[in-house]
Amino acid sequence: MIPLPKHFAEKFPTEFMLHHWLLTCAKSCLPWVRKRRDKLTVVTLCGVEIKPENLMNLRVGAQISDPKGRVLVWTDFTLGSMRQKLIAYYPDKTKADGQ
C-alpha cells in the first residue's frame, strides 16, 4: 500500500482548522493555500465534531472546535470550494437552510 501524496488528500482538521478563528481566516487568504485546497480530491472527516451530520447542520459563519482546540469557521471564505463540495457530496444530510 502506498500513501497518498499531500497534494491529493488531507485530513480536514489538519488543513482547515487552526487554534484561533483569526488564524483560520488568515491562512485562507494565502494564495498558495487556496490553490492547494482547490486541488484536494480526498478529505477525511475525522472526529466527532466534524462528521457530515454536524457540518451540514451548521449555519454560515458558525464556529466549532475539536478536542485539540482547533477552530473551524463554516464559510466559503475560510473553506474555499471545499464547503460547496461537502454540501454537494452530502445532500441528504443538509436541512433546507438556504446556504
C-alpha atoms as a PDB file:
ATOM      1  CA  MET A   1       0.000   0.000   0.000  1.00  0.00           C
ATOM      2  CA  ILE A   2       1.332   3.438  -0.965  1.00  0.00           C
ATOM      3  CA  PRO A   3       0.417   6.589   0.981  1.00  0.00           C
ATOM      4  CA  LEU A   4      -1.397   9.272  -0.994  1.00  0.00           C
ATOM      5  CA  PRO A   5       0.578  12.465  -1.637  1.00  0.00           C
ATOM      6  CA  LYS A   6      -0.387  15.517   0.440  1.00  0.00           C
ATOM      7  CA  HIS A   7      -1.472  17.450  -2.645  1.00  0.00           C
ATOM      8  CA  PHE A   8      -4.108  14.763  -3.293  1.00  0.00           C
ATOM      9  CA  ALA A   9      -5.555  14.007   0.151  1.00  0.00           C
ATOM     10  CA  GLU A  10      -5.578  15.596   3.594  1.00  0.00           C
ATOM     11  CA  LYS A  11      -7.257  15.316   6.986  1.00  0.00           C
ATOM     12  CA  PHE A  12      -9.924  18.006   7.306  1.00  0.00           C
ATOM     13  CA  PRO A  13      -8.811  19.289  10.741  1.00  0.00           C
ATOM     14  CA  THR A  14      -5.172  19.471   9.669  1.00  0.00           C
ATOM     15  CA  GLU A  15      -5.913  21.532   6.570  1.00  0.00           C
ATOM     16  CA  PHE A  16      -8.887  23.685   7.563  1.00  0.00           C
ATOM     17  CA  MET A  17      -8.653  24.173  11.345  1.00  0.00           C
ATOM     18  CA  LEU A  18      -6.200  26.204  13.459  1.00  0.00           C
ATOM     19  CA  HIS A  19      -6.156  27.173  17.152  1.00  0.00           C
ATOM     20  CA  HIS A  20      -7.817  30.568  16.693  1.00  0.00           C
ATOM     21  CA  TRP A  21     -10.550  31.677  14.299  1.00  0.00           C
ATOM     22  CA  LEU A  22      -8.418  34.629  13.185  1.00  0.00           C
ATOM     23  CA  LEU A  23      -5.551  32.307  12.192  1.00  0.00           C
ATOM     24  CA  THR A  24      -8.002  30.102  10.312  1.00  0.00           C
ATOM     25  CA  CYS A  25      -9.216  33.106   8.327  1.00  0.00           C
ATOM     26  CA  ALA A  26      -5.694  34.443   7.763  1.00  0.00           C
ATOM     27  CA  LYS A  27      -4.447  31.109   6.413  1.00  0.00           C
ATOM     28  CA  SER A  28      -7.382  31.075   3.998  1.00  0.00           C
ATOM     29  CA  CYS A  29      -6.172  34.339   2.459  1.00  0.00           C
ATOM     30  CA  LEU A  30      -2.843  32.926   1.328  1.00  0.00           C
ATOM     31  CA  PRO A  31      -2.880  32.326  -2.443  1.00  0.00           C
ATOM     32  CA  TRP A  32      -0.828  29.113  -2.322  1.00  0.00           C
ATOM     33  CA  VAL A  33      -3.138  27.688   0.362  1.00  0.00           C
ATOM     34  CA  ARG A  34      -6.246  28.493  -1.700  1.00  0.00           C
ATOM     35  CA  LYS A  35      -4.678  26.901  -4.765  1.00  0.00           C
ATOM     36  CA  ARG A  36      -3.680  23.760  -2.837  1.00  0.00           C
ATOM     37  CA  ARG A  37      -7.134  23.432  -1.279  1.00  0.00           C
ATOM     38  CA  ASP A  38      -8.856  23.727  -4.658  1.00  0.00           C
ATOM     39  CA  LYS A  39      -6.814  20.779  -5.913  1.00  0.00           C
ATOM     40  CA  LEU A  40      -7.640  18.464  -2.992  1.00  0.00           C
ATOM     41  CA  THR A  41      -9.506  15.376  -4.094  1.00  0.00           C
ATOM     42  CA  VAL A  42      -9.867  13.451  -0.825  1.00  0.00           C
ATOM     43  CA  VAL A  43     -10.548  14.957   2.589  1.00  0.00           C
ATOM     44  CA  THR A  44     -11.121  12.758   5.627  1.00  0.00           C
ATOM     45  CA  LEU A  45     -13.666  13.975   8.146  1.00  0.00           C
ATOM     46  CA  CYS A  46     -12.202  12.531  11.329  1.00  0.00           C
ATOM     47  CA  GLY A  47     -13.512  13.408  14.751  1.00  0.00           C
ATOM     48  CA  VAL A  48     -16.993  13.598  16.239  1.00  0.00           C
ATOM     49  CA  GLU A  49     -17.318  17.359  15.789  1.00  0.00           C
ATOM     50  CA  ILE A  50     -16.735  17.341  12.044  1.00  0.00           C
ATOM     51  CA  LYS A  51     -18.889  14.435  10.965  1.00  0.00           C
ATOM     52  CA  PRO A  52     -21.079  15.221   7.927  1.00  0.00           C
ATOM     53  CA  GLU A  53     -24.255  15.306  10.053  1.00  0.00           C
ATOM     54  CA  ASN A  54     -22.779  18.044  12.230  1.00  0.00           C
ATOM     55  CA  LEU A  55     -21.190  20.068   9.436  1.00  0.00           C
ATOM     56  CA  MET A  56     -24.280  20.106   7.244  1.00  0.00           C
ATOM     57  CA  ASN A  57     -26.404  21.489  10.080  1.00  0.00           C
ATOM     58  CA  LEU A  58     -24.114  24.460  10.739  1.00  0.00           C
ATOM     59  CA  ARG A  59     -25.208  27.934   9.753  1.00  0.00           C
ATOM     60  CA  VAL A  60     -22.907  30.059   7.605  1.00  0.00           C
ATOM     61  CA  GLY A  61     -20.348  31.720   9.874  1.00  0.00           C
ATOM     62  CA  ALA A  62     -20.735  29.199  12.692  1.00  0.00           C
ATOM     63  CA  GLN A  63     -17.623  28.142  14.563  1.00  0.00           C
ATOM     64  CA  ILE A  64     -16.910  24.748  16.059  1.00  0.00           C
ATOM     65  CA  SER A  65     -13.808  23.401  17.741  1.00  0.00           C
ATOM     66  CA  ASP A  66     -12.340  19.942  18.160  1.00  0.00           C
ATOM     67  CA  PRO A  67     -10.861  18.422  21.342  1.00  0.00           C
ATOM     68  CA  LYS A  68      -7.420  19.776  20.380  1.00  0.00           C
ATOM     69  CA  GLY A  69      -8.793  23.332  20.431  1.00  0.00           C
ATOM     70  CA  ARG A  70      -8.652  23.893  16.663  1.00  0.00           C
ATOM     71  CA  VAL A  71     -11.425  26.107  15.317  1.00  0.00           C
ATOM     72  CA  LEU A  72     -13.427  25.756  12.112  1.00  0.00           C
ATOM     73  CA  VAL A  73     -15.280  28.728  10.642  1.00  0.00           C
ATOM     74  CA  TRP A  74     -18.032  27.393   8.341  1.00  0.00           C
ATOM     75  CA  THR A  75     -17.905  29.917   5.479  1.00  0.00           C
ATOM     76  CA  ASP A  76     -16.979  29.831   1.807  1.00  0.00           C
ATOM     77  CA  PHE A  77     -14.214  32.336   2.533  1.00  0.00           C
ATOM     78  CA  THR A  78     -12.360  30.103   5.009  1.00  0.00           C
ATOM     79  CA  LEU A  79     -13.075  26.776   3.310  1.00  0.00           C
ATOM     80  CA  GLY A  80     -12.898  27.857  -0.315  1.00  0.00           C
ATOM     81  CA  SER A  81     -14.560  25.428  -2.691  1.00  0.00           C
ATOM     82  CA  MET A  82     -14.456  22.610  -0.107  1.00  0.00           C
ATOM     83  CA  ARG A  83     -17.622  23.812   1.641  1.00  0.00           C
ATOM     84  CA  GLN A  84     -19.662  23.566  -1.554  1.00  0.00           C
ATOM     85  CA  LYS A  85     -18.057  20.202  -2.390  1.00  0.00           C
ATOM     86  CA  LEU A  86     -19.080  18.841   1.013  1.00  0.00           C
ATOM     87  CA  ILE A  87     -22.628  20.161   0.665  1.00  0.00           C
ATOM     88  CA  ALA A  88     -22.890  18.615  -2.803  1.00  0.00           C
ATOM     89  CA  TYR A  89     -21.482  15.281  -1.606  1.00  0.00           C
ATOM     90  CA  TYR A  90     -23.777  15.024   1.444  1.00  0.00           C
ATOM     91  CA  PRO A  91     -27.085  16.447   0.132  1.00  0.00           C
ATOM     92  CA  ASP A  92     -29.182  14.089   2.281  1.00  0.00           C
ATOM     93  CA  LYS A  93     -27.546  15.464   5.441  1.00  0.00           C
ATOM     94  CA  THR A  94     -28.466  19.102   4.770  1.00  0.00           C
ATOM     95  CA  LYS A  95     -31.559  20.829   6.003  1.00  0.00           C
ATOM     96  CA  ALA A  96     -33.348  23.367   3.826  1.00  0.00           C
ATOM     97  CA  ASP A  97     -31.233  26.217   5.179  1.00  0.00           C
ATOM     98  CA  GLY A  98     -30.749  28.279   2.041  1.00  0.00           C
ATOM     99  CA  GLN A  99     -26.954  28.189   2.253  1.00  0.00           C
END
